[in-house]
Amino acid sequence: MDKPIGHWLKHLDNLLEDAMEQALQTTTRREWQVLNQAAQESTYTMPFTGVDEAVERLTAKGWLADGKLTDAGRAAHEEISEKVGHFRQQVLVGVSSQEYLATIDVLRRMSANLTK
């Protein structure tokens, strides 16, 4: 291990941010996260910055109204979901399902250790 986990987490997050915005073209990663949460009617609180700005931009696009998807928002979500699916496949090339699940489990436990 040449670098600590924090380095790789931040590096991957930066790469995901840049690559996803290139893949999506019409929206940002944060806008997608907000749009997807609205589509799932989730009450999950997103643990990152930029959410309020993303809501404002999505509302300005006519995709959200009062925090809920509009018809245009549902159509955009459907179209963008396809791009996100392809993007996720690209990110996971060479990573088995077991490796992915193990990584998520380790990160979840490390997070829990810091919130005790």
N, C-alpha and C. Protein backbone atom coordinates (compact mmCIF):
# COMPACT_ATOMS: atom_id res chain seq x y z
N MET A 1 0.85 -1.18 0.00
CA MET A 1 0.00 0.00 0.00
C MET A 1 0.89 1.24 0.00
N ASP A 2 0.96 1.88 -1.14
CA ASP A 2 1.83 3.03 -1.26
C ASP A 2 1.21 4.33 -0.76
N LYS A 3 -0.10 4.40 -0.71
CA LYS A 3 -0.80 5.60 -0.24
C LYS A 3 -1.95 5.17 0.67
N PRO A 4 -2.32 6.02 1.63
CA PRO A 4 -3.41 5.64 2.55
C PRO A 4 -4.78 5.71 1.87
N ILE A 5 -5.75 5.13 2.53
CA ILE A 5 -7.10 5.03 1.97
C ILE A 5 -7.69 6.40 1.66
N GLY A 6 -7.42 7.39 2.50
CA GLY A 6 -7.95 8.73 2.27
C GLY A 6 -7.53 9.29 0.92
N HIS A 7 -6.28 9.02 0.54
CA HIS A 7 -5.80 9.47 -0.77
C HIS A 7 -6.63 8.85 -1.88
N TRP A 8 -6.81 7.52 -1.82
CA TRP A 8 -7.52 6.82 -2.88
C TRP A 8 -9.00 7.19 -2.92
N LEU A 9 -9.61 7.40 -1.75
CA LEU A 9 -11.02 7.81 -1.72
C LEU A 9 -11.20 9.17 -2.39
N LYS A 10 -10.36 10.13 -2.03
CA LYS A 10 -10.47 11.47 -2.60
C LYS A 10 -10.13 11.46 -4.09
N HIS A 11 -9.09 10.71 -4.45
CA HIS A 11 -8.69 10.61 -5.86
C HIS A 11 -9.83 10.01 -6.69
N LEU A 12 -10.42 8.93 -6.21
CA LEU A 12 -11.53 8.30 -6.93
C LEU A 12 -12.72 9.24 -7.01
N ASP A 13 -13.04 9.93 -5.92
CA ASP A 13 -14.15 10.86 -5.93
C ASP A 13 -13.94 11.95 -6.98
N ASN A 14 -12.75 12.50 -7.06
CA ASN A 14 -12.45 13.52 -8.07
C ASN A 14 -12.58 12.96 -9.48
N LEU A 15 -12.06 11.75 -9.69
CA LEU A 15 -12.18 11.12 -11.01
C LEU A 15 -13.64 10.85 -11.37
N LEU A 16 -14.42 10.37 -10.40
CA LEU A 16 -15.84 10.11 -10.64
C LEU A 16 -16.56 11.41 -11.01
N GLU A 17 -16.27 12.47 -10.28
CA GLU A 17 -16.90 13.77 -10.54
C GLU A 17 -16.64 14.22 -11.98
N ASP A 18 -15.37 14.21 -12.38
CA ASP A 18 -15.00 14.68 -13.72
C ASP A 18 -15.53 13.76 -14.82
N ALA A 19 -15.35 12.46 -14.65
CA ALA A 19 -15.77 11.51 -15.69
C ALA A 19 -17.28 11.46 -15.82
N MET A 20 -17.99 11.58 -14.71
CA MET A 20 -19.44 11.51 -14.79
C MET A 20 -19.99 12.75 -15.49
N GLU A 21 -19.43 13.90 -15.20
CA GLU A 21 -19.91 15.11 -15.88
C GLU A 21 -19.64 15.04 -17.38
N GLN A 22 -18.52 14.44 -17.77
CA GLN A 22 -18.26 14.24 -19.20
C GLN A 22 -19.27 13.27 -19.80
N ALA A 23 -19.57 12.20 -19.07
CA ALA A 23 -20.50 11.19 -19.58
C ALA A 23 -21.92 11.73 -19.67
N LEU A 24 -22.33 12.54 -18.68
CA LEU A 24 -23.70 13.03 -18.65
C LEU A 24 -23.92 14.23 -19.56
N GLN A 25 -22.94 15.09 -19.67
CA GLN A 25 -22.94 16.27 -20.53
C GLN A 25 -24.01 17.31 -20.17
N THR A 26 -25.24 16.92 -19.94
CA THR A 26 -26.31 17.90 -19.72
C THR A 26 -26.55 18.21 -18.25
N THR A 27 -25.88 17.50 -17.37
CA THR A 27 -26.11 17.68 -15.94
C THR A 27 -24.86 17.31 -15.16
N THR A 28 -24.79 17.77 -13.93
CA THR A 28 -23.64 17.45 -13.09
C THR A 28 -23.93 16.20 -12.27
N ARG A 29 -22.89 15.68 -11.67
CA ARG A 29 -23.04 14.51 -10.80
C ARG A 29 -24.00 14.83 -9.65
N ARG A 30 -23.83 15.99 -9.05
CA ARG A 30 -24.68 16.37 -7.93
C ARG A 30 -26.14 16.51 -8.38
N GLU A 31 -26.36 17.10 -9.55
CA GLU A 31 -27.72 17.21 -10.07
C GLU A 31 -28.32 15.83 -10.29
N TRP A 32 -27.51 14.91 -10.82
CA TRP A 32 -28.00 13.55 -11.01
C TRP A 32 -28.39 12.94 -9.67
N GLN A 33 -27.56 13.11 -8.66
CA GLN A 33 -27.85 12.52 -7.36
C GLN A 33 -29.17 13.05 -6.79
N VAL A 34 -29.38 14.34 -6.93
CA VAL A 34 -30.63 14.95 -6.44
C VAL A 34 -31.81 14.45 -7.28
N LEU A 35 -31.64 14.44 -8.60
CA LEU A 35 -32.70 13.98 -9.50
C LEU A 35 -33.07 12.54 -9.20
N ASN A 36 -32.07 11.70 -9.00
CA ASN A 36 -32.31 10.29 -8.72
C ASN A 36 -32.98 10.10 -7.37
N GLN A 37 -32.57 10.86 -6.38
CA GLN A 37 -33.21 10.78 -5.08
C GLN A 37 -34.68 11.19 -5.18
N ALA A 38 -34.96 12.25 -5.93
CA ALA A 38 -36.34 12.70 -6.12
C ALA A 38 -37.16 11.63 -6.84
N ALA A 39 -36.55 10.96 -7.80
CA ALA A 39 -37.26 9.90 -8.55
C ALA A 39 -37.62 8.74 -7.64
N GLN A 40 -36.78 8.49 -6.65
CA GLN A 40 -37.04 7.39 -5.72
C GLN A 40 -37.88 7.84 -4.54
N GLU A 41 -38.23 9.13 -4.52
CA GLU A 41 -39.00 9.71 -3.42
C GLU A 41 -38.36 9.37 -2.08
N SER A 42 -37.02 9.48 -2.06
CA SER A 42 -36.24 9.13 -0.89
C SER A 42 -36.15 10.30 0.09
N THR A 43 -36.09 9.97 1.36
CA THR A 43 -35.89 10.99 2.39
C THR A 43 -34.45 10.97 2.90
N TYR A 44 -33.60 10.20 2.22
CA TYR A 44 -32.18 10.10 2.56
C TYR A 44 -31.53 11.48 2.48
N THR A 45 -30.80 11.86 3.51
CA THR A 45 -30.08 13.13 3.51
C THR A 45 -28.72 12.92 2.88
N MET A 46 -28.43 13.64 1.83
CA MET A 46 -27.18 13.46 1.11
C MET A 46 -26.03 14.12 1.89
N PRO A 47 -24.95 13.36 2.09
CA PRO A 47 -23.86 13.83 2.96
C PRO A 47 -22.79 14.64 2.23
N PHE A 48 -23.18 15.52 1.34
CA PHE A 48 -22.18 16.31 0.64
C PHE A 48 -22.71 17.70 0.33
N THR A 49 -21.79 18.56 -0.08
CA THR A 49 -22.15 19.94 -0.37
C THR A 49 -22.69 20.06 -1.80
N GLY A 50 -23.34 21.16 -2.07
CA GLY A 50 -23.83 21.43 -3.41
C GLY A 50 -25.24 20.97 -3.69
N VAL A 51 -25.90 20.39 -2.70
CA VAL A 51 -27.24 19.86 -2.89
C VAL A 51 -28.24 21.00 -3.16
N ASP A 52 -28.18 22.05 -2.35
CA ASP A 52 -29.13 23.16 -2.53
C ASP A 52 -28.97 23.80 -3.91
N GLU A 53 -27.73 23.96 -4.34
CA GLU A 53 -27.47 24.54 -5.66
C GLU A 53 -28.00 23.63 -6.77
N ALA A 54 -27.83 22.33 -6.59
CA ALA A 54 -28.33 21.37 -7.58
C ALA A 54 -29.85 21.43 -7.66
N VAL A 55 -30.51 21.54 -6.50
CA VAL A 55 -31.97 21.66 -6.47
C VAL A 55 -32.39 22.92 -7.24
N GLU A 56 -31.70 24.01 -7.01
CA GLU A 56 -32.02 25.26 -7.70
C GLU A 56 -31.87 25.11 -9.22
N ARG A 57 -30.78 24.48 -9.66
CA ARG A 57 -30.56 24.31 -11.10
C ARG A 57 -31.60 23.38 -11.71
N LEU A 58 -31.94 22.31 -11.00
CA LEU A 58 -32.96 21.38 -11.51
C LEU A 58 -34.33 22.04 -11.55
N THR A 59 -34.61 22.87 -10.59
CA THR A 59 -35.87 23.61 -10.59
C THR A 59 -35.89 24.59 -11.76
N ALA A 60 -34.78 25.27 -12.00
CA ALA A 60 -34.69 26.21 -13.13
C ALA A 60 -34.85 25.49 -14.47
N LYS A 61 -34.39 24.23 -14.56
CA LYS A 61 -34.55 23.44 -15.79
C LYS A 61 -35.98 22.95 -15.95
N GLY A 62 -36.78 23.08 -14.89
CA GLY A 62 -38.16 22.58 -14.94
C GLY A 62 -38.26 21.11 -14.61
N TRP A 63 -37.22 20.54 -14.02
CA TRP A 63 -37.21 19.12 -13.70
C TRP A 63 -37.73 18.83 -12.30
N LEU A 64 -37.69 19.85 -11.44
CA LEU A 64 -38.19 19.73 -10.07
C LEU A 64 -39.15 20.87 -9.79
N ALA A 65 -40.14 20.59 -8.98
CA ALA A 65 -41.05 21.62 -8.46
C ALA A 65 -41.37 21.22 -7.04
N ASP A 66 -41.07 22.09 -6.11
CA ASP A 66 -41.26 21.79 -4.68
C ASP A 66 -40.57 20.50 -4.27
N GLY A 67 -39.38 20.26 -4.84
CA GLY A 67 -38.60 19.08 -4.49
C GLY A 67 -39.07 17.78 -5.11
N LYS A 68 -40.09 17.85 -5.95
CA LYS A 68 -40.62 16.63 -6.59
C LYS A 68 -40.40 16.70 -8.10
N LEU A 69 -40.25 15.53 -8.71
CA LEU A 69 -40.05 15.48 -10.16
C LEU A 69 -41.27 15.98 -10.92
N THR A 70 -41.01 16.75 -11.95
CA THR A 70 -42.06 17.14 -12.88
C THR A 70 -42.09 16.09 -13.99
N ASP A 71 -43.01 16.21 -14.93
CA ASP A 71 -43.03 15.30 -16.08
C ASP A 71 -41.71 15.39 -16.85
N ALA A 72 -41.22 16.62 -17.03
CA ALA A 72 -39.93 16.81 -17.72
C ALA A 72 -38.81 16.18 -16.90
N GLY A 73 -38.90 16.26 -15.59
CA GLY A 73 -37.90 15.66 -14.71
C GLY A 73 -37.89 14.14 -14.81
N ARG A 74 -39.07 13.56 -14.90
CA ARG A 74 -39.16 12.09 -15.06
C ARG A 74 -38.54 11.66 -16.38
N ALA A 75 -38.82 12.42 -17.44
CA ALA A 75 -38.24 12.09 -18.75
C ALA A 75 -36.72 12.24 -18.71
N ALA A 76 -36.23 13.31 -18.08
CA ALA A 76 -34.79 13.52 -17.96
C ALA A 76 -34.16 12.41 -17.12
N HIS A 77 -34.82 12.03 -16.04
CA HIS A 77 -34.29 10.96 -15.19
C HIS A 77 -34.15 9.66 -15.97
N GLU A 78 -35.16 9.34 -16.74
CA GLU A 78 -35.11 8.11 -17.54
C GLU A 78 -33.94 8.14 -18.52
N GLU A 79 -33.78 9.25 -19.22
CA GLU A 79 -32.69 9.38 -20.20
C GLU A 79 -31.32 9.34 -19.52
N ILE A 80 -31.18 10.05 -18.43
CA ILE A 80 -29.90 10.12 -17.74
C ILE A 80 -29.57 8.79 -17.06
N SER A 81 -30.59 8.09 -16.57
CA SER A 81 -30.39 6.78 -15.93
C SER A 81 -29.63 5.83 -16.85
N GLU A 82 -29.96 5.87 -18.11
CA GLU A 82 -29.29 5.01 -19.08
C GLU A 82 -27.81 5.35 -19.16
N LYS A 83 -27.50 6.63 -19.22
CA LYS A 83 -26.09 7.07 -19.28
C LYS A 83 -25.36 6.69 -18.00
N VAL A 84 -26.02 6.84 -16.87
CA VAL A 84 -25.40 6.49 -15.59
C VAL A 84 -25.13 4.99 -15.52
N GLY A 85 -26.04 4.19 -16.02
CA GLY A 85 -25.83 2.74 -16.06
C GLY A 85 -24.59 2.37 -16.84
N HIS A 86 -24.41 2.99 -18.01
CA HIS A 86 -23.21 2.73 -18.82
C HIS A 86 -21.96 3.21 -18.09
N PHE A 87 -22.07 4.37 -17.44
CA PHE A 87 -20.94 4.92 -16.70
C PHE A 87 -20.53 3.97 -15.57
N ARG A 88 -21.51 3.47 -14.83
CA ARG A 88 -21.21 2.56 -13.72
C ARG A 88 -20.56 1.27 -14.22
N GLN A 89 -21.01 0.78 -15.36
CA GLN A 89 -20.39 -0.41 -15.94
C GLN A 89 -18.92 -0.14 -16.26
N GLN A 90 -18.64 1.03 -16.81
CA GLN A 90 -17.26 1.40 -17.14
C GLN A 90 -16.40 1.44 -15.88
N VAL A 91 -16.92 2.04 -14.82
CA VAL A 91 -16.17 2.17 -13.57
C VAL A 91 -15.85 0.79 -12.99
N LEU A 92 -16.74 -0.17 -13.15
CA LEU A 92 -16.59 -1.47 -12.51
C LEU A 92 -15.91 -2.53 -13.37
N VAL A 93 -15.38 -2.15 -14.53
CA VAL A 93 -14.66 -3.12 -15.36
C VAL A 93 -13.51 -3.71 -14.54
N GLY A 94 -13.43 -5.02 -14.49
CA GLY A 94 -12.36 -5.69 -13.78
C GLY A 94 -12.60 -5.85 -12.28
N VAL A 95 -13.76 -5.42 -11.80
CA VAL A 95 -14.11 -5.53 -10.38
C VAL A 95 -15.26 -6.53 -10.27
N SER A 96 -15.04 -7.58 -9.51
CA SER A 96 -16.11 -8.58 -9.37
C SER A 96 -17.19 -8.06 -8.42
N SER A 97 -18.34 -8.69 -8.49
CA SER A 97 -19.44 -8.34 -7.58
C SER A 97 -19.01 -8.52 -6.13
N GLN A 98 -18.28 -9.59 -5.85
CA GLN A 98 -17.82 -9.86 -4.50
C GLN A 98 -16.85 -8.77 -4.03
N GLU A 99 -15.94 -8.34 -4.91
CA GLU A 99 -15.00 -7.28 -4.54
C GLU A 99 -15.73 -5.97 -4.27
N TYR A 100 -16.70 -5.67 -5.10
CA TYR A 100 -17.47 -4.44 -4.91
C TYR A 100 -18.20 -4.46 -3.57
N LEU A 101 -18.90 -5.56 -3.30
CA LEU A 101 -19.65 -5.67 -2.05
C LEU A 101 -18.73 -5.64 -0.84
N ALA A 102 -17.56 -6.28 -0.95
CA ALA A 102 -16.59 -6.26 0.15
C ALA A 102 -16.08 -4.84 0.38
N THR A 103 -15.82 -4.11 -0.68
CA THR A 103 -15.35 -2.73 -0.55
C THR A 103 -16.40 -1.86 0.13
N ILE A 104 -17.63 -1.99 -0.29
CA ILE A 104 -18.73 -1.23 0.31
C ILE A 104 -18.84 -1.58 1.80
N ASP A 105 -18.74 -2.86 2.12
CA ASP A 105 -18.85 -3.28 3.51
C ASP A 105 -17.72 -2.69 4.35
N VAL A 106 -16.50 -2.73 3.86
CA VAL A 106 -15.36 -2.16 4.59
C VAL A 106 -15.54 -0.66 4.79
N LEU A 107 -15.94 0.05 3.75
CA LEU A 107 -16.13 1.50 3.86
C LEU A 107 -17.27 1.83 4.83
N ARG A 108 -18.33 1.05 4.81
CA ARG A 108 -19.44 1.24 5.74
C ARG A 108 -18.97 1.07 7.17
N ARG A 109 -18.19 0.01 7.43
CA ARG A 109 -17.71 -0.25 8.79
C ARG A 109 -16.72 0.83 9.25
N MET A 110 -15.85 1.27 8.35
CA MET A 110 -14.91 2.33 8.71
C MET A 110 -15.68 3.61 9.04
N SER A 111 -16.72 3.89 8.27
CA SER A 111 -17.57 5.07 8.55
C SER A 111 -18.22 4.93 9.92
N ALA A 112 -18.73 3.76 10.20
CA ALA A 112 -19.39 3.52 11.49
C ALA A 112 -18.39 3.70 12.63
N ASN A 113 -17.15 3.30 12.44
CA ASN A 113 -16.14 3.46 13.48
C ASN A 113 -15.91 4.93 13.83
N LEU A 114 -16.09 5.79 12.87
CA LEU A 114 -15.84 7.21 13.09
C LEU A 114 -17.08 7.97 13.57
N THR A 115 -18.23 7.30 13.58
CA THR A 115 -19.45 7.97 14.03
C THR A 115 -19.91 7.46 15.40
N LYS A 116 -19.08 6.64 16.02
CA LYS A 116 -19.43 6.10 17.35
C LYS A 116 -19.14 7.12 18.42
